[in-house]
Amino acid sequence: ENPPELAGVCDLSQLIYLEMPHVLYNLKYRFSSMKTKFCYTSISSILLAINPYETLPIYGDDVIEQFKSAAEKGRLIPDRPH
């Protein structure tokens, strides 16, 4: 089992144990147990997305502006795998 401080990491390559039960636990934790529901997770440069079957407030005007500003500078937004 991974240490509790690794629960909910955004990049699964940070996990010590990367077997399927640990991956599924982390995905469930990120979506169900954190204050913000995260449907996107990564494993290094690979994006994992779960279908939440509900509308999430993840693409508001603030997020659109972050992406626009970053694109104008030719940069990626940190902590956003998508």
PDB file of N, CA and C in Angstrom:
ATOM      1  N   GLU A   1       0.841  -1.186   0.000  1.00  0.00           N
ATOM      2  CA  GLU A   1       0.000   0.000   0.000  1.00  0.00           C
ATOM      3  C   GLU A   1       0.884   1.246   0.000  1.00  0.00           C
ATOM      4  N   ASN A   2       0.433   2.262  -0.726  1.00  0.00           N
ATOM      5  CA  ASN A   2       1.170   3.519  -0.773  1.00  0.00           C
ATOM      6  C   ASN A   2       0.962   4.315   0.508  1.00  0.00           C
ATOM      7  N   PRO A   3       1.934   5.141   0.887  1.00  0.00           N
ATOM      8  CA  PRO A   3       1.771   5.987   2.072  1.00  0.00           C
ATOM      9  C   PRO A   3       0.576   6.929   1.905  1.00  0.00           C
ATOM     10  N   PRO A   4      -0.105   7.275   2.997  1.00  0.00           N
ATOM     11  CA  PRO A   4      -1.290   8.141   2.919  1.00  0.00           C
ATOM     12  C   PRO A   4      -1.019   9.497   2.272  1.00  0.00           C
ATOM     13  N   GLU A   5       0.178  10.024   2.420  1.00  0.00           N
ATOM     14  CA  GLU A   5       0.472  11.338   1.838  1.00  0.00           C
ATOM     15  C   GLU A   5       0.497  11.318   0.309  1.00  0.00           C
ATOM     16  N   LEU A   6       0.502  10.131  -0.291  1.00  0.00           N
ATOM     17  CA  LEU A   6       0.476  10.031  -1.750  1.00  0.00           C
ATOM     18  C   LEU A   6      -0.947   9.893  -2.294  1.00  0.00           C
ATOM     19  N   ALA A   7      -1.929   9.794  -1.418  1.00  0.00           N
ATOM     20  CA  ALA A   7      -3.324   9.678  -1.868  1.00  0.00           C
ATOM     21  C   ALA A   7      -3.717  10.954  -2.600  1.00  0.00           C
ATOM     22  N   GLY A   8      -4.182  10.795  -3.821  1.00  0.00           N
ATOM     23  CA  GLY A   8      -4.648  11.932  -4.591  1.00  0.00           C
ATOM     24  C   GLY A   8      -3.598  12.654  -5.410  1.00  0.00           C
ATOM     25  N   VAL A   9      -2.408  12.074  -5.569  1.00  0.00           N
ATOM     26  CA  VAL A   9      -1.385  12.749  -6.376  1.00  0.00           C
ATOM     27  C   VAL A   9      -1.892  12.903  -7.801  1.00  0.00           C
ATOM     28  N   CYS A  10      -1.508  14.005  -8.453  1.00  0.00           N
ATOM     29  CA  CYS A  10      -1.995  14.257  -9.814  1.00  0.00           C
ATOM     30  C   CYS A  10      -1.207  13.475 -10.860  1.00  0.00           C
ATOM     31  N   ASP A  11      -0.007  13.023 -10.510  1.00  0.00           N
ATOM     32  CA  ASP A  11       0.814  12.223 -11.426  1.00  0.00           C
ATOM     33  C   ASP A  11       1.080  10.877 -10.765  1.00  0.00           C
ATOM     34  N   LEU A  12       0.485   9.835 -11.312  1.00  0.00           N
ATOM     35  CA  LEU A  12       0.582   8.508 -10.708  1.00  0.00           C
ATOM     36  C   LEU A  12       2.004   7.946 -10.706  1.00  0.00           C
ATOM     37  N   SER A  13       2.897   8.526 -11.497  1.00  0.00           N
ATOM     38  CA  SER A  13       4.277   8.044 -11.476  1.00  0.00           C
ATOM     39  C   SER A  13       4.951   8.368 -10.142  1.00  0.00           C
ATOM     40  N   GLN A  14       4.317   9.195  -9.314  1.00  0.00           N
ATOM     41  CA  GLN A  14       4.839   9.492  -7.979  1.00  0.00           C
ATOM     42  C   GLN A  14       4.548   8.370  -6.979  1.00  0.00           C
ATOM     43  N   LEU A  15       3.619   7.481  -7.329  1.00  0.00           N
ATOM     44  CA  LEU A  15       3.266   6.396  -6.424  1.00  0.00           C
ATOM     45  C   LEU A  15       4.410   5.391  -6.320  1.00  0.00           C
ATOM     46  N   ILE A  16       4.559   4.816  -5.154  1.00  0.00           N
ATOM     47  CA  ILE A  16       5.568   3.781  -4.958  1.00  0.00           C
ATOM     48  C   ILE A  16       5.096   2.481  -5.599  1.00  0.00           C
ATOM     49  N   TYR A  17       3.827   2.154  -5.383  1.00  0.00           N
ATOM     50  CA  TYR A  17       3.224   0.942  -5.943  1.00  0.00           C
ATOM     51  C   TYR A  17       2.219   1.352  -7.006  1.00  0.00           C
ATOM     52  N   LEU A  18       2.437   0.898  -8.231  1.00  0.00           N
ATOM     53  CA  LEU A  18       1.626   1.335  -9.356  1.00  0.00           C
ATOM     54  C   LEU A  18       0.772   0.203  -9.936  1.00  0.00           C
ATOM     55  N   GLU A  19       0.481  -0.801  -9.126  1.00  0.00           N
ATOM     56  CA  GLU A  19      -0.391  -1.873  -9.586  1.00  0.00           C
ATOM     57  C   GLU A  19      -1.817  -1.345  -9.720  1.00  0.00           C
ATOM     58  N   MET A  20      -2.636  -2.040 -10.501  1.00  0.00           N
ATOM     59  CA  MET A  20      -3.982  -1.575 -10.818  1.00  0.00           C
ATOM     60  C   MET A  20      -4.822  -1.202  -9.592  1.00  0.00           C
ATOM     61  N   PRO A  21      -4.840  -1.988  -8.497  1.00  0.00           N
ATOM     62  CA  PRO A  21      -5.649  -1.562  -7.341  1.00  0.00           C
ATOM     63  C   PRO A  21      -5.223  -0.202  -6.782  1.00  0.00           C
ATOM     64  N   HIS A  22      -3.936   0.108  -6.833  1.00  0.00           N
ATOM     65  CA  HIS A  22      -3.440   1.389  -6.327  1.00  0.00           C
ATOM     66  C   HIS A  22      -3.808   2.532  -7.274  1.00  0.00           C
ATOM     67  N   VAL A  23      -3.759   2.258  -8.571  1.00  0.00           N
ATOM     68  CA  VAL A  23      -4.166   3.259  -9.557  1.00  0.00           C
ATOM     69  C   VAL A  23      -5.653   3.566  -9.384  1.00  0.00           C
ATOM     70  N   LEU A  24      -6.473   2.528  -9.296  1.00  0.00           N
ATOM     71  CA  LEU A  24      -7.917   2.724  -9.139  1.00  0.00           C
ATOM     72  C   LEU A  24      -8.248   3.441  -7.834  1.00  0.00           C
ATOM     73  N   TYR A  25      -7.539   3.099  -6.761  1.00  0.00           N
ATOM     74  CA  TYR A  25      -7.758   3.781  -5.483  1.00  0.00           C
ATOM     75  C   TYR A  25      -7.470   5.275  -5.626  1.00  0.00           C
ATOM     76  N   ASN A  26      -6.368   5.610  -6.287  1.00  0.00           N
ATOM     77  CA  ASN A  26      -5.995   7.019  -6.436  1.00  0.00           C
ATOM     78  C   ASN A  26      -7.011   7.771  -7.305  1.00  0.00           C
ATOM     79  N   LEU A  27      -7.475   7.143  -8.387  1.00  0.00           N
ATOM     80  CA  LEU A  27      -8.480   7.777  -9.233  1.00  0.00           C
ATOM     81  C   LEU A  27      -9.767   8.029  -8.446  1.00  0.00           C
ATOM     82  N   LYS A  28     -10.195   7.028  -7.682  1.00  0.00           N
ATOM     83  CA  LYS A  28     -11.403   7.181  -6.873  1.00  0.00           C
ATOM     84  C   LYS A  28     -11.206   8.263  -5.809  1.00  0.00           C
ATOM     85  N   TYR A  29     -10.039   8.277  -5.188  1.00  0.00           N
ATOM     86  CA  TYR A  29      -9.741   9.272  -4.156  1.00  0.00           C
ATOM     87  C   TYR A  29      -9.784  10.681  -4.746  1.00  0.00           C
ATOM     88  N   ARG A  30      -9.165  10.871  -5.908  1.00  0.00           N
ATOM     89  CA  ARG A  30      -9.126  12.200  -6.539  1.00  0.00           C
ATOM     90  C   ARG A  30     -10.524  12.683  -6.907  1.00  0.00           C
ATOM     91  N   PHE A  31     -11.406  11.762  -7.289  1.00  0.00           N
ATOM     92  CA  PHE A  31     -12.733  12.177  -7.705  1.00  0.00           C
ATOM     93  C   PHE A  31     -13.732  12.226  -6.549  1.00  0.00           C
ATOM     94  N   SER A  32     -13.616  11.336  -5.589  1.00  0.00           N
ATOM     95  CA  SER A  32     -14.638  11.215  -4.549  1.00  0.00           C
ATOM     96  C   SER A  32     -14.263  11.781  -3.190  1.00  0.00           C
ATOM     97  N   SER A  33     -12.980  11.865  -2.872  1.00  0.00           N
ATOM     98  CA  SER A  33     -12.582  12.217  -1.504  1.00  0.00           C
ATOM     99  C   SER A  33     -11.927  13.584  -1.364  1.00  0.00           C
ATOM    100  N   MET A  34     -11.634  14.247  -2.456  1.00  0.00           N
ATOM    101  CA  MET A  34     -10.987  15.551  -2.372  1.00  0.00           C
ATOM    102  C   MET A  34     -12.041  16.653  -2.499  1.00  0.00           C
ATOM    103  N   LYS A  35     -11.706  17.835  -2.016  1.00  0.00           N
ATOM    104  CA  LYS A  35     -12.647  18.954  -2.042  1.00  0.00           C
ATOM    105  C   LYS A  35     -13.105  19.255  -3.469  1.00  0.00           C
ATOM    106  N   THR A  36     -12.164  19.276  -4.402  1.00  0.00           N
ATOM    107  CA  THR A  36     -12.472  19.459  -5.822  1.00  0.00           C
ATOM    108  C   THR A  36     -12.458  18.097  -6.492  1.00  0.00           C
ATOM    109  N   LYS A  37     -13.460  17.811  -7.314  1.00  0.00           N
ATOM    110  CA  LYS A  37     -13.496  16.537  -8.037  1.00  0.00           C
ATOM    111  C   LYS A  37     -12.570  16.632  -9.245  1.00  0.00           C
ATOM    112  N   PHE A  38     -11.562  15.766  -9.276  1.00  0.00           N
ATOM    113  CA  PHE A  38     -10.609  15.757 -10.384  1.00  0.00           C
ATOM    114  C   PHE A  38     -10.902  14.560 -11.281  1.00  0.00           C
ATOM    115  N   CYS A  39     -11.291  14.821 -12.528  1.00  0.00           N
ATOM    116  CA  CYS A  39     -11.538  13.717 -13.460  1.00  0.00           C
ATOM    117  C   CYS A  39     -10.323  13.470 -14.346  1.00  0.00           C
ATOM    118  N   TYR A  40      -9.302  14.332 -14.242  1.00  0.00           N
ATOM    119  CA  TYR A  40      -8.070  14.160 -15.015  1.00  0.00           C
ATOM    120  C   TYR A  40      -6.912  13.814 -14.092  1.00  0.00           C
ATOM    121  N   THR A  41      -6.144  12.824 -14.487  1.00  0.00           N
ATOM    122  CA  THR A  41      -4.958  12.395 -13.765  1.00  0.00           C
ATOM    123  C   THR A  41      -3.934  12.008 -14.828  1.00  0.00           C
ATOM    124  N   SER A  42      -2.671  12.039 -14.488  1.00  0.00           N
ATOM    125  CA  SER A  42      -1.663  11.644 -15.476  1.00  0.00           C
ATOM    126  C   SER A  42      -0.735  10.581 -14.904  1.00  0.00           C
ATOM    127  N   ILE A  43      -0.098   9.882 -15.819  1.00  0.00           N
ATOM    128  CA  ILE A  43       1.024   9.002 -15.506  1.00  0.00           C
ATOM    129  C   ILE A  43       2.133   9.501 -16.412  1.00  0.00           C
ATOM    130  N   SER A  44       3.000  10.345 -15.859  1.00  0.00           N
ATOM    131  CA  SER A  44       4.031  11.015 -16.631  1.00  0.00           C
ATOM    132  C   SER A  44       3.364  11.836 -17.725  1.00  0.00           C
ATOM    133  N   SER A  45       3.559  11.512 -18.991  1.00  0.00           N
ATOM    134  CA  SER A  45       2.970  12.304 -20.073  1.00  0.00           C
ATOM    135  C   SER A  45       1.674  11.696 -20.611  1.00  0.00           C
ATOM    136  N   ILE A  46       1.151  10.673 -19.950  1.00  0.00           N
ATOM    137  CA  ILE A  46      -0.085  10.010 -20.386  1.00  0.00           C
ATOM    138  C   ILE A  46      -1.251  10.533 -19.551  1.00  0.00           C
ATOM    139  N   LEU A  47      -2.305  10.956 -20.215  1.00  0.00           N
ATOM    140  CA  LEU A  47      -3.482  11.484 -19.539  1.00  0.00           C
ATOM    141  C   LEU A  47      -4.494  10.379 -19.297  1.00  0.00           C
ATOM    142  N   LEU A  48      -4.992  10.293 -18.073  1.00  0.00           N
ATOM    143  CA  LEU A  48      -6.105   9.404 -17.732  1.00  0.00           C
ATOM    144  C   LEU A  48      -7.302  10.288 -17.439  1.00  0.00           C
ATOM    145  N   ALA A  49      -8.418   9.999 -18.063  1.00  0.00           N
ATOM    146  CA  ALA A  49      -9.630  10.775 -17.814  1.00  0.00           C
ATOM    147  C   ALA A  49     -10.755   9.812 -17.476  1.00  0.00           C
ATOM    148  N   ILE A  50     -11.507  10.152 -16.441  1.00  0.00           N
ATOM    149  CA  ILE A  50     -12.676   9.351 -16.111  1.00  0.00           C
ATOM    150  C   ILE A  50     -13.909  10.147 -16.502  1.00  0.00           C
ATOM    151  N   ASN A  51     -14.953   9.446 -16.902  1.00  0.00           N
ATOM    152  CA  ASN A  51     -16.197  10.108 -17.237  1.00  0.00           C
ATOM    153  C   ASN A  51     -16.994  10.266 -15.948  1.00  0.00           C
ATOM    154  N   PRO A  52     -17.194  11.493 -15.484  1.00  0.00           N
ATOM    155  CA  PRO A  52     -17.867  11.692 -14.205  1.00  0.00           C
ATOM    156  C   PRO A  52     -19.378  11.518 -14.280  1.00  0.00           C
ATOM    157  N   TYR A  53     -19.941  11.440 -15.476  1.00  0.00           N
ATOM    158  CA  TYR A  53     -21.394  11.343 -15.658  1.00  0.00           C
ATOM    159  C   TYR A  53     -22.128  12.458 -14.933  1.00  0.00           C
ATOM    160  N   GLU A  54     -21.488  13.623 -14.846  1.00  0.00           N
ATOM    161  CA  GLU A  54     -22.112  14.814 -14.289  1.00  0.00           C
ATOM    162  C   GLU A  54     -21.328  16.024 -14.782  1.00  0.00           C
ATOM    163  N   THR A  55     -21.950  17.163 -14.743  1.00  0.00           N
ATOM    164  CA  THR A  55     -21.282  18.391 -15.150  1.00  0.00           C
ATOM    165  C   THR A  55     -20.399  18.878 -14.017  1.00  0.00           C
ATOM    166  N   LEU A  56     -19.146  19.153 -14.331  1.00  0.00           N
ATOM    167  CA  LEU A  56     -18.206  19.663 -13.335  1.00  0.00           C
ATOM    168  C   LEU A  56     -17.842  21.098 -13.680  1.00  0.00           C
ATOM    169  N   PRO A  57     -17.697  21.951 -12.679  1.00  0.00           N
ATOM    170  CA  PRO A  57     -17.343  23.353 -12.944  1.00  0.00           C
ATOM    171  C   PRO A  57     -15.832  23.524 -13.135  1.00  0.00           C
ATOM    172  N   ILE A  58     -15.282  22.867 -14.169  1.00  0.00           N
ATOM    173  CA  ILE A  58     -13.829  22.892 -14.340  1.00  0.00           C
ATOM    174  C   ILE A  58     -13.374  23.768 -15.502  1.00  0.00           C
ATOM    175  N   TYR A  59     -14.309  24.283 -16.287  1.00  0.00           N
ATOM    176  CA  TYR A  59     -13.931  25.117 -17.423  1.00  0.00           C
ATOM    177  C   TYR A  59     -14.649  26.458 -17.383  1.00  0.00           C
ATOM    178  N   GLY A  60     -14.533  27.155 -16.261  1.00  0.00           N
ATOM    179  CA  GLY A  60     -15.121  28.484 -16.141  1.00  0.00           C
ATOM    180  C   GLY A  60     -14.260  29.511 -16.843  1.00  0.00           C
ATOM    181  N   ASP A  61     -14.698  30.755 -16.782  1.00  0.00           N
ATOM    182  CA  ASP A  61     -13.967  31.838 -17.432  1.00  0.00           C
ATOM    183  C   ASP A  61     -12.533  31.964 -16.925  1.00  0.00           C
ATOM    184  N   ASP A  62     -12.322  31.682 -15.630  1.00  0.00           N
ATOM    185  CA  ASP A  62     -10.970  31.784 -15.073  1.00  0.00           C
ATOM    186  C   ASP A  62     -10.027  30.774 -15.711  1.00  0.00           C
ATOM    187  N   VAL A  63     -10.509  29.557 -15.936  1.00  0.00           N
ATOM    188  CA  VAL A  63      -9.674  28.516 -16.549  1.00  0.00           C
ATOM    189  C   VAL A  63      -9.416  28.850 -18.015  1.00  0.00           C
ATOM    190  N   ILE A  64     -10.430  29.322 -18.703  1.00  0.00           N
ATOM    191  CA  ILE A  64     -10.264  29.704 -20.107  1.00  0.00           C
ATOM    192  C   ILE A  64      -9.210  30.805 -20.224  1.00  0.00           C
ATOM    193  N   GLU A  65      -9.251  31.764 -19.321  1.00  0.00           N
ATOM    194  CA  GLU A  65      -8.268  32.854 -19.336  1.00  0.00           C
ATOM    195  C   GLU A  65      -6.862  32.337 -19.042  1.00  0.00           C
ATOM    196  N   GLN A  66      -6.734  31.370 -18.120  1.00  0.00           N
ATOM    197  CA  GLN A  66      -5.418  30.778 -17.826  1.00  0.00           C
ATOM    198  C   GLN A  66      -4.835  30.138 -19.084  1.00  0.00           C
ATOM    199  N   PHE A  67      -5.649  29.351 -19.791  1.00  0.00           N
ATOM    200  CA  PHE A  67      -5.167  28.694 -20.997  1.00  0.00           C
ATOM    201  C   PHE A  67      -4.822  29.710 -22.082  1.00  0.00           C
ATOM    202  N   LYS A  68      -5.653  30.727 -22.238  1.00  0.00           N
ATOM    203  CA  LYS A  68      -5.390  31.753 -23.250  1.00  0.00           C
ATOM    204  C   LYS A  68      -4.088  32.481 -22.954  1.00  0.00           C
ATOM    205  N   SER A  69      -3.906  32.876 -21.697  1.00  0.00           N
ATOM    206  CA  SER A  69      -2.686  33.587 -21.304  1.00  0.00           C
ATOM    207  C   SER A  69      -1.452  32.715 -21.500  1.00  0.00           C
ATOM    208  N   ALA A  70      -1.545  31.453 -21.100  1.00  0.00           N
ATOM    209  CA  ALA A  70      -0.416  30.536 -21.257  1.00  0.00           C
ATOM    210  C   ALA A  70      -0.100  30.309 -22.733  1.00  0.00           C
ATOM    211  N   ALA A  71      -1.133  30.166 -23.561  1.00  0.00           N
ATOM    212  CA  ALA A  71      -0.922  29.928 -24.990  1.00  0.00           C
ATOM    213  C   ALA A  71      -0.222  31.121 -25.642  1.00  0.00           C
ATOM    214  N   GLU A  72      -0.587  32.328 -25.221  1.00  0.00           N
ATOM    215  CA  GLU A  72       0.054  33.521 -25.778  1.00  0.00           C
ATOM    216  C   GLU A  72       1.543  33.573 -25.445  1.00  0.00           C
ATOM    217  N   LYS A  73       1.905  32.968 -24.310  1.00  0.00           N
ATOM    218  CA  LYS A  73       3.305  32.932 -23.885  1.00  0.00           C
ATOM    219  C   LYS A  73       4.011  31.658 -24.355  1.00  0.00           C
ATOM    220  N   GLY A  74       3.256  30.749 -25.010  1.00  0.00           N
ATOM    221  CA  GLY A  74       3.831  29.492 -25.464  1.00  0.00           C
ATOM    222  C   GLY A  74       4.161  28.545 -24.325  1.00  0.00           C
ATOM    223  N   ARG A  75       3.361  28.586 -23.270  1.00  0.00           N
ATOM    224  CA  ARG A  75       3.623  27.757 -22.085  1.00  0.00           C
ATOM    225  C   ARG A  75       2.435  26.874 -21.758  1.00  0.00           C
ATOM    226  N   LEU A  76       2.691  25.882 -20.925  1.00  0.00           N
ATOM    227  CA  LEU A  76       1.637  25.027 -20.390  1.00  0.00           C
ATOM    228  C   LEU A  76       1.276  25.503 -18.990  1.00  0.00           C
ATOM    229  N   ILE A  77       0.079  25.187 -18.573  1.00  0.00           N
ATOM    230  CA  ILE A  77      -0.363  25.544 -17.233  1.00  0.00           C
ATOM    231  C   ILE A  77       0.070  24.443 -16.269  1.00  0.00           C
ATOM    232  N   PRO A  78       0.801  24.797 -15.195  1.00  0.00           N
ATOM    233  CA  PRO A  78       1.219  23.769 -14.248  1.00  0.00           C
ATOM    234  C   PRO A  78       0.025  23.167 -13.510  1.00  0.00           C
ATOM    235  N   ASP A  79       0.144  21.924 -13.114  1.00  0.00           N
ATOM    236  CA  ASP A  79      -0.875  21.184 -12.346  1.00  0.00           C
ATOM    237  C   ASP A  79      -2.166  20.945 -13.126  1.00  0.00           C
ATOM    238  N   ARG A  80      -2.105  21.055 -14.417  1.00  0.00           N
ATOM    239  CA  ARG A  80      -3.272  20.728 -15.253  1.00  0.00           C
ATOM    240  C   ARG A  80      -2.805  19.759 -16.333  1.00  0.00           C
ATOM    241  N   PRO A  81      -3.162  18.496 -16.191  1.00  0.00           N
ATOM    242  CA  PRO A  81      -2.655  17.500 -17.146  1.00  0.00           C
ATOM    243  C   PRO A  81      -3.297  17.573 -18.521  1.00  0.00           C
ATOM    244  N   HIS A  82      -4.407  18.252 -18.669  1.00  0.00           N
ATOM    245  CA  HIS A  82      -5.110  18.278 -19.960  1.00  0.00           C
ATOM    246  C   HIS A  82      -4.720  19.482 -20.785  1.00  0.00           C
TER     247      HIS A  82
END
